[in-house]
C-alpha atoms as a PDB file:
ATOM      1  CA  MET A   1     -81.736 123.031  90.585  1.00  0.00           C
ATOM      2  CA  ALA A   2     -81.676 121.253  93.951  1.00  0.00           C
ATOM      3  CA  GLU A   3     -83.444 123.072  96.797  1.00  0.00           C
ATOM      4  CA  THR A   4     -81.466 123.448 100.005  1.00  0.00           C
ATOM      5  CA  LYS A   5     -83.095 122.645 103.318  1.00  0.00           C
ATOM      6  CA  ARG A   6     -83.557 125.917 105.213  1.00  0.00           C
ATOM      7  CA  ASP A   7     -82.860 125.931 108.965  1.00  0.00           C
ATOM      8  CA  GLN A   8     -86.034 127.193 110.616  1.00  0.00           C
ATOM      9  CA  ARG A   9     -84.770 127.551 114.200  1.00  0.00           C
ATOM     10  CA  ALA A  10     -85.874 130.744 115.825  1.00  0.00           C
ATOM     11  CA  THR A  11     -83.167 130.844 118.496  1.00  0.00           C
ATOM     12  CA  ARG A  12     -79.440 130.461 118.385  1.00  0.00           C
ATOM     13  CA  ARG A  13     -77.998 126.986 119.135  1.00  0.00           C
ATOM     14  CA  PHE A  14     -74.780 126.480 121.101  1.00  0.00           C
ATOM     15  CA  SER A  15     -72.676 123.441 120.415  1.00  0.00           C
ATOM     16  CA  LEU A  16     -72.027 122.193 123.948  1.00  0.00           C
ATOM     17  CA  ARG A  17     -71.183 118.753 125.141  1.00  0.00           C
ATOM     18  CA  LEU A  18     -72.703 118.788 128.641  1.00  0.00           C
ATOM     19  CA  PRO A  19     -73.805 116.022 130.964  1.00  0.00           C
ATOM     20  CA  VAL A  20     -77.579 115.749 131.209  1.00  0.00           C
ATOM     21  CA  GLU A  21     -79.738 113.517 133.466  1.00  0.00           C
ATOM     22  CA  VAL A  22     -82.810 112.368 131.537  1.00  0.00           C
ATOM     23  CA  LYS A  23     -86.113 110.932 132.766  1.00  0.00           C
ATOM     24  CA  VAL A  24     -88.914 110.064 130.367  1.00  0.00           C
ATOM     25  CA  GLU A  25     -92.343 110.296 132.023  1.00  0.00           C
ATOM     26  CA  ASP A  26     -93.603 106.963 130.764  1.00  0.00           C
ATOM     27  CA  GLY A  27     -90.497 105.238 132.212  1.00  0.00           C
ATOM     28  CA  GLN A  28     -88.743 104.601 128.841  1.00  0.00           C
ATOM     29  CA  ALA A  29     -85.481 106.010 130.146  1.00  0.00           C
ATOM     30  CA  ALA A  30     -85.440 106.432 133.895  1.00  0.00           C
ATOM     31  CA  ASP A  31     -82.693 108.729 135.240  1.00  0.00           C
ATOM     32  CA  GLN A  32     -80.363 107.808 132.459  1.00  0.00           C
ATOM     33  CA  PRO A  33     -77.070 109.683 131.949  1.00  0.00           C
ATOM     34  CA  ALA A  34     -76.673 111.345 128.574  1.00  0.00           C
ATOM     35  CA  PHE A  35     -74.765 114.172 126.968  1.00  0.00           C
ATOM     36  CA  THR A  36     -75.762 117.070 124.808  1.00  0.00           C
ATOM     37  CA  LYS A  37     -74.704 117.903 121.270  1.00  0.00           C
ATOM     38  CA  ASP A  38     -76.294 121.381 121.299  1.00  0.00           C
ATOM     39  CA  VAL A  39     -78.606 123.499 123.371  1.00  0.00           C
ATOM     40  CA  SER A  40     -80.765 126.547 122.714  1.00  0.00           C
ATOM     41  CA  ALA A  41     -83.340 128.524 124.756  1.00  0.00           C
ATOM     42  CA  ARG A  42     -86.118 126.460 123.218  1.00  0.00           C
ATOM     43  CA  GLY A  43     -84.578 123.056 122.672  1.00  0.00           C
ATOM     44  CA  ILE A  44     -81.890 120.503 123.167  1.00  0.00           C
ATOM     45  CA  PHE A  45     -80.266 117.684 121.188  1.00  0.00           C
ATOM     46  CA  PHE A  46     -78.685 114.880 123.228  1.00  0.00           C
ATOM     47  CA  PHE A  47     -77.430 111.342 122.846  1.00  0.00           C
ATOM     48  CA  ILE A  48     -78.863 108.448 124.925  1.00  0.00           C
ATOM     49  CA  ASP A  49     -78.675 104.686 124.896  1.00  0.00           C
ATOM     50  CA  SER A  50     -82.298 103.654 125.578  1.00  0.00           C
ATOM     51  CA  PRO A  51     -84.954 103.941 122.939  1.00  0.00           C
ATOM     52  CA  VAL A  52     -87.519 106.724 123.414  1.00  0.00           C
ATOM     53  CA  GLU A  53     -90.537 107.771 121.394  1.00  0.00           C
ATOM     54  CA  PRO A  54     -91.376 111.150 119.761  1.00  0.00           C
ATOM     55  CA  GLY A  55     -94.157 112.892 121.671  1.00  0.00           C
ATOM     56  CA  SER A  56     -92.969 111.540 125.008  1.00  0.00           C
ATOM     57  CA  LYS A  57     -92.737 114.093 127.881  1.00  0.00           C
ATOM     58  CA  ILE A  58     -89.329 114.346 129.494  1.00  0.00           C
ATOM     59  CA  ASP A  59     -87.599 115.922 132.493  1.00  0.00           C
ATOM     60  CA  PHE A  60     -83.938 116.611 132.398  1.00  0.00           C
ATOM     61  CA  ILE A  61     -81.311 118.405 134.386  1.00  0.00           C
ATOM     62  CA  LEU A  62     -78.402 120.214 132.718  1.00  0.00           C
ATOM     63  CA  THR A  63     -75.341 121.388 134.554  1.00  0.00           C
ATOM     64  CA  LEU A  64     -74.073 124.589 132.886  1.00  0.00           C
ATOM     65  CA  PRO A  65     -70.338 125.033 133.440  1.00  0.00           C
ATOM     66  CA  PRO A  66     -68.556 128.238 134.514  1.00  0.00           C
ATOM     67  CA  GLU A  67     -67.458 128.833 130.879  1.00  0.00           C
ATOM     68  CA  VAL A  68     -71.151 129.391 130.052  1.00  0.00           C
ATOM     69  CA  THR A  69     -72.444 131.001 133.263  1.00  0.00           C
ATOM     70  CA  LEU A  70     -69.333 133.117 133.969  1.00  0.00           C
ATOM     71  CA  THR A  71     -69.781 132.193 137.668  1.00  0.00           C
ATOM     72  CA  GLU A  72     -70.166 128.665 139.034  1.00  0.00           C
ATOM     73  CA  ASN A  73     -71.749 125.455 137.754  1.00  0.00           C
ATOM     74  CA  ILE A  74     -75.498 126.070 137.606  1.00  0.00           C
ATOM     75  CA  ARG A  75     -78.064 123.180 137.432  1.00  0.00           C
ATOM     76  CA  VAL A  76     -81.163 123.775 135.347  1.00  0.00           C
ATOM     77  CA  ARG A  77     -84.211 121.472 135.551  1.00  0.00           C
ATOM     78  CA  CYS A  78     -86.166 121.409 132.256  1.00  0.00           C
ATOM     79  CA  ARG A  79     -89.483 119.875 131.193  1.00  0.00           C
ATOM     80  CA  GLY A  80     -90.218 119.274 127.563  1.00  0.00           C
ATOM     81  CA  GLN A  81     -91.274 116.925 124.828  1.00  0.00           C
ATOM     82  CA  ILE A  82     -89.351 114.717 122.462  1.00  0.00           C
ATOM     83  CA  VAL A  83     -89.798 115.881 118.899  1.00  0.00           C
ATOM     84  CA  ARG A  84     -87.384 113.670 116.965  1.00  0.00           C
ATOM     85  CA  VAL A  85     -85.251 110.531 117.461  1.00  0.00           C
ATOM     86  CA  GLU A  86     -82.383 109.658 115.107  1.00  0.00           C
ATOM     87  CA  GLN A  87     -80.352 106.417 115.035  1.00  0.00           C
ATOM     88  CA  GLN A  88     -76.641 107.393 115.050  1.00  0.00           C
ATOM     89  CA  SER A  89     -73.936 105.602 113.137  1.00  0.00           C
ATOM     90  CA  ALA A  90     -71.776 102.854 114.710  1.00  0.00           C
ATOM     91  CA  ALA A  91     -68.813 105.282 114.399  1.00  0.00           C
ATOM     92  CA  SER A  92     -70.552 107.577 116.889  1.00  0.00           C
ATOM     93  CA  GLY A  93     -71.220 104.808 119.338  1.00  0.00           C
ATOM     94  CA  GLY A  94     -74.617 103.837 117.968  1.00  0.00           C
ATOM     95  CA  ARG A  95     -76.447 105.884 120.569  1.00  0.00           C
ATOM     96  CA  LEU A  96     -79.758 107.532 119.762  1.00  0.00           C
ATOM     97  CA  GLY A  97     -79.855 111.245 118.925  1.00  0.00           C
ATOM     98  CA  VAL A  98     -82.860 112.941 120.539  1.00  0.00           C
ATOM     99  CA  ALA A  99     -84.221 116.399 119.818  1.00  0.00           C
ATOM    100  CA  ALA A 100     -86.539 117.806 122.491  1.00  0.00           C
ATOM    101  CA  ALA A 101     -88.470 121.125 122.783  1.00  0.00           C
ATOM    102  CA  ILE A 102     -88.070 122.820 126.182  1.00  0.00           C
ATOM    103  CA  GLU A 103     -91.465 123.825 127.580  1.00  0.00           C
ATOM    104  CA  SER A 104     -90.292 125.128 131.010  1.00  0.00           C
ATOM    105  CA  TYR A 105     -87.217 125.356 133.141  1.00  0.00           C
ATOM    106  CA  ASP A 106     -86.109 126.273 136.669  1.00  0.00           C
ATOM    107  CA  PHE A 107     -82.720 127.025 138.104  1.00  0.00           C
ATOM    108  CA  VAL A 108     -82.215 124.493 140.874  1.00  0.00           C
ATOM    109  CA  GLY A 109     -78.885 125.430 142.323  1.00  0.00           C
ATOM    110  CA  VAL A 110     -75.180 125.966 142.083  1.00  0.00           C
ATOM    111  CA  SER A 111     -72.688 123.184 142.493  1.00  0.00           C
END
């Protein structure tokens, strides 16, 4: 009998396509625009064009829309670490899928 892979995430993920500004500390992807696939309180999965390495520290800014915040757009600055990089298919634009753990975050304003 085939064993199914169990999802071990501890927090709920939200499938949200949001713009995100990404900066990798070692300069691999400086202030590169990207967009999310999903977001949780502890992590993020986003698509980006430039190659990045697992283990790299990153800073990124998300803009949460009124549909999520129930008020105005809120910008959130996060720091974290890349935990996984996946090559995406040509059908999805060939971008890289990046999973990152969120280590800290600050609300930086409303727009």
